[in-house]
Each structure stands twice: as structure tokens, then as C-alpha cells.
Amino acid sequence: MKSIFSKIALVVAVLAIALSVTGSASAAITSYLTVGSTGPQVVELQTALEAQGYLVIPAGTAKGYFGALTKAAVIKWQAAVGLPAT
């Protein structure tokens, strides 16, 4: 049961990040993202986290892979906005 709530919390957190940066639902992330996820929605998440100062992707590293840096950035963002770290 805990994992279901963790997944829901992560999806809510990801959507909130995207909406807080863009101010619209056009960048809404509609998939469950976790370590190992790839694609354009991961790029949206990373772009939002970068814009808010939670993520720094090293020079020469392409966006689009949800790895340890992205996970750490999501956890920092969750703590900053009072969400449980998932």
C-alpha cells in the first residue's frame, strides 16, 4: 500500500513542478516517472527542476534520462514544498 501512495505522491510532485514553472498544463507530465525512465516527459521534469535551481546537469550530458541526479533533485524539491520524499 505504501508504494501506491509513494507513486501517487511522485506523480503529484512532478505535475506540480511542471505547472509551477510554466504556469500552464501544457508541460504537464502524465506518466509515472522513476529512476530509469526516459523520454520527453523526463526532459520536461529536468527542465523544470533546473529552472528552479534543484538540478544541475553536467555540461555535455543530454537530458532525457531519469538517473540519480534527477532523483536527488526531485527529493530536494519535495522537501522544499513540504511533500514526503518519494
PDB file of N, CA and C in Angstrom:
ATOM      1  N   MET A   1       0.818  -1.190   0.000  1.00  0.00           N
ATOM      2  CA  MET A   1       0.000   0.000   0.000  1.00  0.00           C
ATOM      3  C   MET A   1       0.863   1.256   0.000  1.00  0.00           C
ATOM      4  N   LYS A   2       1.976   1.213   0.742  1.00  0.00           N
ATOM      5  CA  LYS A   2       2.847   2.384   0.803  1.00  0.00           C
ATOM      6  C   LYS A   2       3.373   2.754  -0.585  1.00  0.00           C
ATOM      7  N   SER A   3       3.718   1.756  -1.394  1.00  0.00           N
ATOM      8  CA  SER A   3       4.277   2.060  -2.709  1.00  0.00           C
ATOM      9  C   SER A   3       3.262   2.763  -3.601  1.00  0.00           C
ATOM     10  N   ILE A   4       1.985   2.440  -3.461  1.00  0.00           N
ATOM     11  CA  ILE A   4       0.949   3.120  -4.244  1.00  0.00           C
ATOM     12  C   ILE A   4       0.902   4.593  -3.861  1.00  0.00           C
ATOM     13  N   PHE A   5       0.952   4.877  -2.574  1.00  0.00           N
ATOM     14  CA  PHE A   5       0.930   6.266  -2.128  1.00  0.00           C
ATOM     15  C   PHE A   5       2.204   6.995  -2.541  1.00  0.00           C
ATOM     16  N   SER A   6       3.326   6.306  -2.529  1.00  0.00           N
ATOM     17  CA  SER A   6       4.575   6.916  -2.976  1.00  0.00           C
ATOM     18  C   SER A   6       4.492   7.280  -4.444  1.00  0.00           C
ATOM     19  N   LYS A   7       3.935   6.393  -5.260  1.00  0.00           N
ATOM     20  CA  LYS A   7       3.796   6.668  -6.686  1.00  0.00           C
ATOM     21  C   LYS A   7       2.867   7.848  -6.920  1.00  0.00           C
ATOM     22  N   ILE A   8       1.768   7.882  -6.190  1.00  0.00           N
ATOM     23  CA  ILE A   8       0.822   8.996  -6.330  1.00  0.00           C
ATOM     24  C   ILE A   8       1.494  10.303  -5.927  1.00  0.00           C
ATOM     25  N   ALA A   9       2.234  10.285  -4.830  1.00  0.00           N
ATOM     26  CA  ALA A   9       2.912  11.494  -4.368  1.00  0.00           C
ATOM     27  C   ALA A   9       3.938  11.964  -5.384  1.00  0.00           C
ATOM     28  N   LEU A  10       4.660  11.030  -6.013  1.00  0.00           N
ATOM     29  CA  LEU A  10       5.650  11.417  -7.006  1.00  0.00           C
ATOM     30  C   LEU A  10       4.989  12.028  -8.226  1.00  0.00           C
ATOM     31  N   VAL A  11       3.900  11.444  -8.694  1.00  0.00           N
ATOM     32  CA  VAL A  11       3.194  11.993  -9.850  1.00  0.00           C
ATOM     33  C   VAL A  11       2.687  13.395  -9.539  1.00  0.00           C
ATOM     34  N   VAL A  12       2.120  13.584  -8.355  1.00  0.00           N
ATOM     35  CA  VAL A  12       1.638  14.905  -7.950  1.00  0.00           C
ATOM     36  C   VAL A  12       2.798  15.887  -7.887  1.00  0.00           C
ATOM     37  N   ALA A  13       3.924  15.466  -7.346  1.00  0.00           N
ATOM     38  CA  ALA A  13       5.088  16.337  -7.254  1.00  0.00           C
ATOM     39  C   ALA A  13       5.594  16.735  -8.624  1.00  0.00           C
ATOM     40  N   VAL A  14       5.665  15.783  -9.524  1.00  0.00           N
ATOM     41  CA  VAL A  14       6.154  16.055 -10.868  1.00  0.00           C
ATOM     42  C   VAL A  14       5.222  17.019 -11.584  1.00  0.00           C
ATOM     43  N   LEU A  15       3.932  16.813 -11.466  1.00  0.00           N
ATOM     44  CA  LEU A  15       2.971  17.722 -12.091  1.00  0.00           C
ATOM     45  C   LEU A  15       3.085  19.122 -11.496  1.00  0.00           C
ATOM     46  N   ALA A  16       3.243  19.193 -10.198  1.00  0.00           N
ATOM     47  CA  ALA A  16       3.355  20.496  -9.548  1.00  0.00           C
ATOM     48  C   ALA A  16       4.612  21.226 -10.000  1.00  0.00           C
ATOM     49  N   ILE A  17       5.712  20.508 -10.174  1.00  0.00           N
ATOM     50  CA  ILE A  17       6.936  21.140 -10.652  1.00  0.00           C
ATOM     51  C   ILE A  17       6.705  21.732 -12.029  1.00  0.00           C
ATOM     52  N   ALA A  18       6.149  20.929 -12.912  1.00  0.00           N
ATOM     53  CA  ALA A  18       5.928  21.394 -14.287  1.00  0.00           C
ATOM     54  C   ALA A  18       4.994  22.594 -14.317  1.00  0.00           C
ATOM     55  N   LEU A  19       3.935  22.542 -13.550  1.00  0.00           N
ATOM     56  CA  LEU A  19       2.972  23.642 -13.550  1.00  0.00           C
ATOM     57  C   LEU A  19       3.531  24.892 -12.900  1.00  0.00           C
ATOM     58  N   SER A  20       4.361  24.737 -11.873  1.00  0.00           N
ATOM     59  CA  SER A  20       4.889  25.918 -11.201  1.00  0.00           C
ATOM     60  C   SER A  20       5.896  26.660 -12.075  1.00  0.00           C
ATOM     61  N   VAL A  21       6.540  25.970 -12.975  1.00  0.00           N
ATOM     62  CA  VAL A  21       7.492  26.623 -13.865  1.00  0.00           C
ATOM     63  C   VAL A  21       6.794  27.262 -15.050  1.00  0.00           C
ATOM     64  N   THR A  22       5.848  26.546 -15.641  1.00  0.00           N
ATOM     65  CA  THR A  22       5.237  27.033 -16.871  1.00  0.00           C
ATOM     66  C   THR A  22       3.979  27.855 -16.641  1.00  0.00           C
ATOM     67  N   GLY A  23       3.295  27.603 -15.533  1.00  0.00           N
ATOM     68  CA  GLY A  23       2.043  28.293 -15.277  1.00  0.00           C
ATOM     69  C   GLY A  23       0.891  27.739 -16.105  1.00  0.00           C
ATOM     70  N   SER A  24       1.125  26.660 -16.794  1.00  0.00           N
ATOM     71  CA  SER A  24       0.056  26.053 -17.593  1.00  0.00           C
ATOM     72  C   SER A  24       0.188  24.543 -17.567  1.00  0.00           C
ATOM     73  N   ALA A  25      -0.835  23.889 -18.052  1.00  0.00           N
ATOM     74  CA  ALA A  25      -0.811  22.433 -18.089  1.00  0.00           C
ATOM     75  C   ALA A  25      -0.142  21.907 -19.345  1.00  0.00           C
ATOM     76  N   SER A  26       0.357  22.786 -20.210  1.00  0.00           N
ATOM     77  CA  SER A  26       0.953  22.319 -21.456  1.00  0.00           C
ATOM     78  C   SER A  26       2.183  21.459 -21.210  1.00  0.00           C
ATOM     79  N   ALA A  27       2.857  21.664 -20.110  1.00  0.00           N
ATOM     80  CA  ALA A  27       4.037  20.873 -19.803  1.00  0.00           C
ATOM     81  C   ALA A  27       3.723  19.773 -18.800  1.00  0.00           C
ATOM     82  N   ALA A  28       2.463  19.514 -18.578  1.00  0.00           N
ATOM     83  CA  ALA A  28       2.072  18.517 -17.585  1.00  0.00           C
ATOM     84  C   ALA A  28       2.674  17.166 -17.915  1.00  0.00           C
ATOM     85  N   ILE A  29       3.128  16.506 -16.901  1.00  0.00           N
ATOM     86  CA  ILE A  29       3.696  15.175 -17.048  1.00  0.00           C
ATOM     87  C   ILE A  29       2.611  14.186 -16.675  1.00  0.00           C
ATOM     88  N   THR A  30       2.310  13.303 -17.590  1.00  0.00           N
ATOM     89  CA  THR A  30       1.164  12.417 -17.411  1.00  0.00           C
ATOM     90  C   THR A  30       1.561  10.975 -17.120  1.00  0.00           C
ATOM     91  N   SER A  31       2.853  10.687 -17.096  1.00  0.00           N
ATOM     92  CA  SER A  31       3.315   9.328 -16.835  1.00  0.00           C
ATOM     93  C   SER A  31       3.994   9.251 -15.485  1.00  0.00           C
ATOM     94  N   TYR A  32       4.004   8.068 -14.911  1.00  0.00           N
ATOM     95  CA  TYR A  32       4.757   7.823 -13.687  1.00  0.00           C
ATOM     96  C   TYR A  32       6.234   7.775 -14.070  1.00  0.00           C
ATOM     97  N   LEU A  33       7.024   8.658 -13.499  1.00  0.00           N
ATOM     98  CA  LEU A  33       8.447   8.711 -13.791  1.00  0.00           C
ATOM     99  C   LEU A  33       9.231   8.241 -12.582  1.00  0.00           C
ATOM    100  N   THR A  34      10.257   7.468 -12.840  1.00  0.00           N
ATOM    101  CA  THR A  34      11.113   6.975 -11.778  1.00  0.00           C
ATOM    102  C   THR A  34      12.507   6.753 -12.347  1.00  0.00           C
ATOM    103  N   VAL A  35      13.441   6.370 -11.500  1.00  0.00           N
ATOM    104  CA  VAL A  35      14.793   6.102 -11.972  1.00  0.00           C
ATOM    105  C   VAL A  35      14.725   5.081 -13.105  1.00  0.00           C
ATOM    106  N   GLY A  36      15.367   5.432 -14.208  1.00  0.00           N
ATOM    107  CA  GLY A  36      15.366   4.575 -15.384  1.00  0.00           C
ATOM    108  C   GLY A  36      14.418   5.047 -16.468  1.00  0.00           C
ATOM    109  N   SER A  37      13.480   5.940 -16.121  1.00  0.00           N
ATOM    110  CA  SER A  37      12.559   6.476 -17.127  1.00  0.00           C
ATOM    111  C   SER A  37      13.345   7.309 -18.133  1.00  0.00           C
ATOM    112  N   THR A  38      12.851   7.342 -19.371  1.00  0.00           N
ATOM    113  CA  THR A  38      13.482   8.136 -20.420  1.00  0.00           C
ATOM    114  C   THR A  38      12.409   8.838 -21.238  1.00  0.00           C
ATOM    115  N   GLY A  39      12.827   9.836 -22.010  1.00  0.00           N
ATOM    116  CA  GLY A  39      11.918  10.462 -22.956  1.00  0.00           C
ATOM    117  C   GLY A  39      11.613  11.908 -22.678  1.00  0.00           C
ATOM    118  N   PRO A  40      10.678  12.445 -23.486  1.00  0.00           N
ATOM    119  CA  PRO A  40      10.372  13.873 -23.423  1.00  0.00           C
ATOM    120  C   PRO A  40       9.774  14.327 -22.094  1.00  0.00           C
ATOM    121  N   GLN A  41       9.050  13.462 -21.419  1.00  0.00           N
ATOM    122  CA  GLN A  41       8.490  13.898 -20.138  1.00  0.00           C
ATOM    123  C   GLN A  41       9.578  14.014 -19.078  1.00  0.00           C
ATOM    124  N   VAL A  42      10.606  13.200 -19.180  1.00  0.00           N
ATOM    125  CA  VAL A  42      11.754  13.339 -18.280  1.00  0.00           C
ATOM    126  C   VAL A  42      12.465  14.656 -18.583  1.00  0.00           C
ATOM    127  N   VAL A  43      12.585  15.006 -19.846  1.00  0.00           N
ATOM    128  CA  VAL A  43      13.188  16.294 -20.225  1.00  0.00           C
ATOM    129  C   VAL A  43      12.385  17.437 -19.613  1.00  0.00           C
ATOM    130  N   GLU A  44      11.057  17.365 -19.673  1.00  0.00           N
ATOM    131  CA  GLU A  44      10.198  18.401 -19.067  1.00  0.00           C
ATOM    132  C   GLU A  44      10.481  18.523 -17.572  1.00  0.00           C
ATOM    133  N   LEU A  45      10.546  17.383 -16.898  1.00  0.00           N
ATOM    134  CA  LEU A  45      10.824  17.382 -15.467  1.00  0.00           C
ATOM    135  C   LEU A  45      12.187  17.999 -15.187  1.00  0.00           C
ATOM    136  N   GLN A  46      13.196  17.571 -15.926  1.00  0.00           N
ATOM    137  CA  GLN A  46      14.542  18.084 -15.698  1.00  0.00           C
ATOM    138  C   GLN A  46      14.629  19.582 -15.980  1.00  0.00           C
ATOM    139  N   THR A  47      13.975  20.027 -17.017  1.00  0.00           N
ATOM    140  CA  THR A  47      13.968  21.451 -17.344  1.00  0.00           C
ATOM    141  C   THR A  47      13.330  22.255 -16.217  1.00  0.00           C
ATOM    142  N   ALA A  48      12.226  21.747 -15.683  1.00  0.00           N
ATOM    143  CA  ALA A  48      11.551  22.430 -14.576  1.00  0.00           C
ATOM    144  C   ALA A  48      12.429  22.450 -13.336  1.00  0.00           C
ATOM    145  N   LEU A  49      13.062  21.334 -13.031  1.00  0.00           N
ATOM    146  CA  LEU A  49      13.940  21.281 -11.862  1.00  0.00           C
ATOM    147  C   LEU A  49      15.152  22.200 -12.028  1.00  0.00           C
ATOM    148  N   GLU A  50      15.689  22.280 -13.232  1.00  0.00           N
ATOM    149  CA  GLU A  50      16.800  23.207 -13.499  1.00  0.00           C
ATOM    150  C   GLU A  50      16.364  24.655 -13.309  1.00  0.00           C
ATOM    151  N   ALA A  51      15.198  24.980 -13.837  1.00  0.00           N
ATOM    152  CA  ALA A  51      14.698  26.358 -13.756  1.00  0.00           C
ATOM    153  C   ALA A  51      14.515  26.805 -12.313  1.00  0.00           C
ATOM    154  N   GLN A  52      14.216  25.872 -11.439  1.00  0.00           N
ATOM    155  CA  GLN A  52      14.006  26.215 -10.035  1.00  0.00           C
ATOM    156  C   GLN A  52      15.265  26.044  -9.190  1.00  0.00           C
ATOM    157  N   GLY A  53      16.357  25.628  -9.819  1.00  0.00           N
ATOM    158  CA  GLY A  53      17.624  25.520  -9.112  1.00  0.00           C
ATOM    159  C   GLY A  53      17.847  24.227  -8.353  1.00  0.00           C
ATOM    160  N   TYR A  54      17.041  23.223  -8.603  1.00  0.00           N
ATOM    161  CA  TYR A  54      17.192  21.952  -7.898  1.00  0.00           C
ATOM    162  C   TYR A  54      18.055  20.951  -8.642  1.00  0.00           C
ATOM    163  N   LEU A  55      18.323  21.183  -9.908  1.00  0.00           N
ATOM    164  CA  LEU A  55      19.077  20.231 -10.721  1.00  0.00           C
ATOM    165  C   LEU A  55      20.114  20.965 -11.557  1.00  0.00           C
ATOM    166  N   VAL A  56      21.316  20.429 -11.549  1.00  0.00           N
ATOM    167  CA  VAL A  56      22.377  20.907 -12.438  1.00  0.00           C
ATOM    168  C   VAL A  56      22.863  19.690 -13.212  1.00  0.00           C
ATOM    169  N   ILE A  57      22.619  19.715 -14.511  1.00  0.00           N
ATOM    170  CA  ILE A  57      23.066  18.621 -15.365  1.00  0.00           C
ATOM    171  C   ILE A  57      24.454  18.988 -15.883  1.00  0.00           C
ATOM    172  N   PRO A  58      25.421  18.102 -15.691  1.00  0.00           N
ATOM    173  CA  PRO A  58      26.792  18.410 -16.121  1.00  0.00           C
ATOM    174  C   PRO A  58      26.864  18.739 -17.619  1.00  0.00           C
ATOM    175  N   ALA A  59      27.761  19.641 -17.961  1.00  0.00           N
ATOM    176  CA  ALA A  59      27.961  20.016 -19.362  1.00  0.00           C
ATOM    177  C   ALA A  59      28.256  18.771 -20.193  1.00  0.00           C
ATOM    178  N   GLY A  60      27.636  18.718 -21.349  1.00  0.00           N
ATOM    179  CA  GLY A  60      27.841  17.596 -22.248  1.00  0.00           C
ATOM    180  C   GLY A  60      26.938  16.407 -21.988  1.00  0.00           C
ATOM    181  N   THR A  61      26.132  16.488 -20.940  1.00  0.00           N
ATOM    182  CA  THR A  61      25.208  15.397 -20.616  1.00  0.00           C
ATOM    183  C   THR A  61      23.839  15.728 -21.181  1.00  0.00           C
ATOM    184  N   ALA A  62      23.288  14.815 -21.941  1.00  0.00           N
ATOM    185  CA  ALA A  62      21.974  15.029 -22.547  1.00  0.00           C
ATOM    186  C   ALA A  62      20.870  14.828 -21.512  1.00  0.00           C
ATOM    187  N   LYS A  63      19.814  15.593 -21.669  1.00  0.00           N
ATOM    188  CA  LYS A  63      18.624  15.396 -20.834  1.00  0.00           C
ATOM    189  C   LYS A  63      17.830  14.216 -21.378  1.00  0.00           C
ATOM    190  N   GLY A  64      16.949  13.701 -20.550  1.00  0.00           N
ATOM    191  CA  GLY A  64      16.035  12.671 -21.013  1.00  0.00           C
ATOM    192  C   GLY A  64      16.172  11.345 -20.299  1.00  0.00           C
ATOM    193  N   TYR A  65      17.127  11.238 -19.385  1.00  0.00           N
ATOM    194  CA  TYR A  65      17.274  10.020 -18.588  1.00  0.00           C
ATOM    195  C   TYR A  65      17.090  10.375 -17.126  1.00  0.00           C
ATOM    196  N   PHE A  66      16.188   9.688 -16.441  1.00  0.00           N
ATOM    197  CA  PHE A  66      15.928   9.917 -15.022  1.00  0.00           C
ATOM    198  C   PHE A  66      16.902   9.052 -14.226  1.00  0.00           C
ATOM    199  N   GLY A  67      17.991   9.677 -13.804  1.00  0.00           N
ATOM    200  CA  GLY A  67      19.005   8.974 -13.034  1.00  0.00           C
ATOM    201  C   GLY A  67      19.111   9.513 -11.622  1.00  0.00           C
ATOM    202  N   ALA A  68      20.238   9.243 -11.017  1.00  0.00           N
ATOM    203  CA  ALA A  68      20.456   9.614  -9.616  1.00  0.00           C
ATOM    204  C   ALA A  68      20.382  11.124  -9.394  1.00  0.00           C
ATOM    205  N   LEU A  69      20.903  11.922 -10.329  1.00  0.00           N
ATOM    206  CA  LEU A  69      20.851  13.379 -10.166  1.00  0.00           C
ATOM    207  C   LEU A  69      19.415  13.892 -10.185  1.00  0.00           C
ATOM    208  N   THR A  70      18.613  13.360 -11.093  1.00  0.00           N
ATOM    209  CA  THR A  70      17.208  13.779 -11.175  1.00  0.00           C
ATOM    210  C   THR A  70      16.447  13.346  -9.936  1.00  0.00           C
ATOM    211  N   LYS A  71      16.695  12.134  -9.479  1.00  0.00           N
ATOM    212  CA  LYS A  71      16.037  11.637  -8.266  1.00  0.00           C
ATOM    213  C   LYS A  71      16.362  12.541  -7.077  1.00  0.00           C
ATOM    214  N   ALA A  72      17.638  12.883  -6.927  1.00  0.00           N
ATOM    215  CA  ALA A  72      18.038  13.753  -5.814  1.00  0.00           C
ATOM    216  C   ALA A  72      17.373  15.122  -5.919  1.00  0.00           C
ATOM    217  N   ALA A  73      17.259  15.637  -7.146  1.00  0.00           N
ATOM    218  CA  ALA A  73      16.620  16.937  -7.348  1.00  0.00           C
ATOM    219  C   ALA A  73      15.136  16.890  -7.005  1.00  0.00           C
ATOM    220  N   VAL A  74      14.455  15.807  -7.381  1.00  0.00           N
ATOM    221  CA  VAL A  74      13.032  15.662  -7.042  1.00  0.00           C
ATOM    222  C   VAL A  74      12.867  15.611  -5.528  1.00  0.00           C
ATOM    223  N   ILE A  75      13.735  14.875  -4.849  1.00  0.00           N
ATOM    224  CA  ILE A  75      13.653  14.776  -3.390  1.00  0.00           C
ATOM    225  C   ILE A  75      13.885  16.139  -2.738  1.00  0.00           C
ATOM    226  N   LYS A  76      14.849  16.914  -3.252  1.00  0.00           N
ATOM    227  CA  LYS A  76      15.080  18.271  -2.728  1.00  0.00           C
ATOM    228  C   LYS A  76      13.847  19.144  -2.925  1.00  0.00           C
ATOM    229  N   TRP A  77      13.250  19.052  -4.118  1.00  0.00           N
ATOM    230  CA  TRP A  77      12.059  19.859  -4.400  1.00  0.00           C
ATOM    231  C   TRP A  77      10.916  19.446  -3.478  1.00  0.00           C
ATOM    232  N   GLN A  78      10.724  18.142  -3.312  1.00  0.00           N
ATOM    233  CA  GLN A  78       9.651  17.673  -2.433  1.00  0.00           C
ATOM    234  C   GLN A  78       9.837  18.215  -1.010  1.00  0.00           C
ATOM    235  N   ALA A  79      11.053  18.178  -0.504  1.00  0.00           N
ATOM    236  CA  ALA A  79      11.321  18.692   0.843  1.00  0.00           C
ATOM    237  C   ALA A  79      11.033  20.186   0.913  1.00  0.00           C
ATOM    238  N   ALA A  80      11.409  20.913  -0.119  1.00  0.00           N
ATOM    239  CA  ALA A  80      11.218  22.367  -0.136  1.00  0.00           C
ATOM    240  C   ALA A  80       9.753  22.763  -0.118  1.00  0.00           C
ATOM    241  N   VAL A  81       8.888  21.935  -0.706  1.00  0.00           N
ATOM    242  CA  VAL A  81       7.470  22.285  -0.767  1.00  0.00           C
ATOM    243  C   VAL A  81       6.631  21.503   0.243  1.00  0.00           C
ATOM    244  N   GLY A  82       7.293  20.757   1.114  1.00  0.00           N
ATOM    245  CA  GLY A  82       6.593  20.072   2.187  1.00  0.00           C
ATOM    246  C   GLY A  82       5.945  18.747   1.809  1.00  0.00           C
ATOM    247  N   LEU A  83       6.417  18.137   0.736  1.00  0.00           N
ATOM    248  CA  LEU A  83       5.912  16.814   0.359  1.00  0.00           C
ATOM    249  C   LEU A  83       6.834  15.745   0.900  1.00  0.00           C
ATOM    250  N   PRO A  84       6.299  14.541   1.168  1.00  0.00           N
ATOM    251  CA  PRO A  84       7.185  13.463   1.605  1.00  0.00           C
ATOM    252  C   PRO A  84       8.102  13.054   0.465  1.00  0.00           C
ATOM    253  N   ALA A  85       9.342  12.751   0.776  1.00  0.00           N
ATOM    254  CA  ALA A  85      10.298  12.315  -0.248  1.00  0.00           C
ATOM    255  C   ALA A  85       9.906  10.937  -0.735  1.00  0.00           C
ATOM    256  N   THR A  86       9.698  10.841  -2.041  1.00  0.00           N
ATOM    257  CA  THR A  86       9.346   9.543  -2.610  1.00  0.00           C
ATOM    258  C   THR A  86      10.360   9.144  -3.645  1.00  0.00           C
TER     259      THR A  86
END
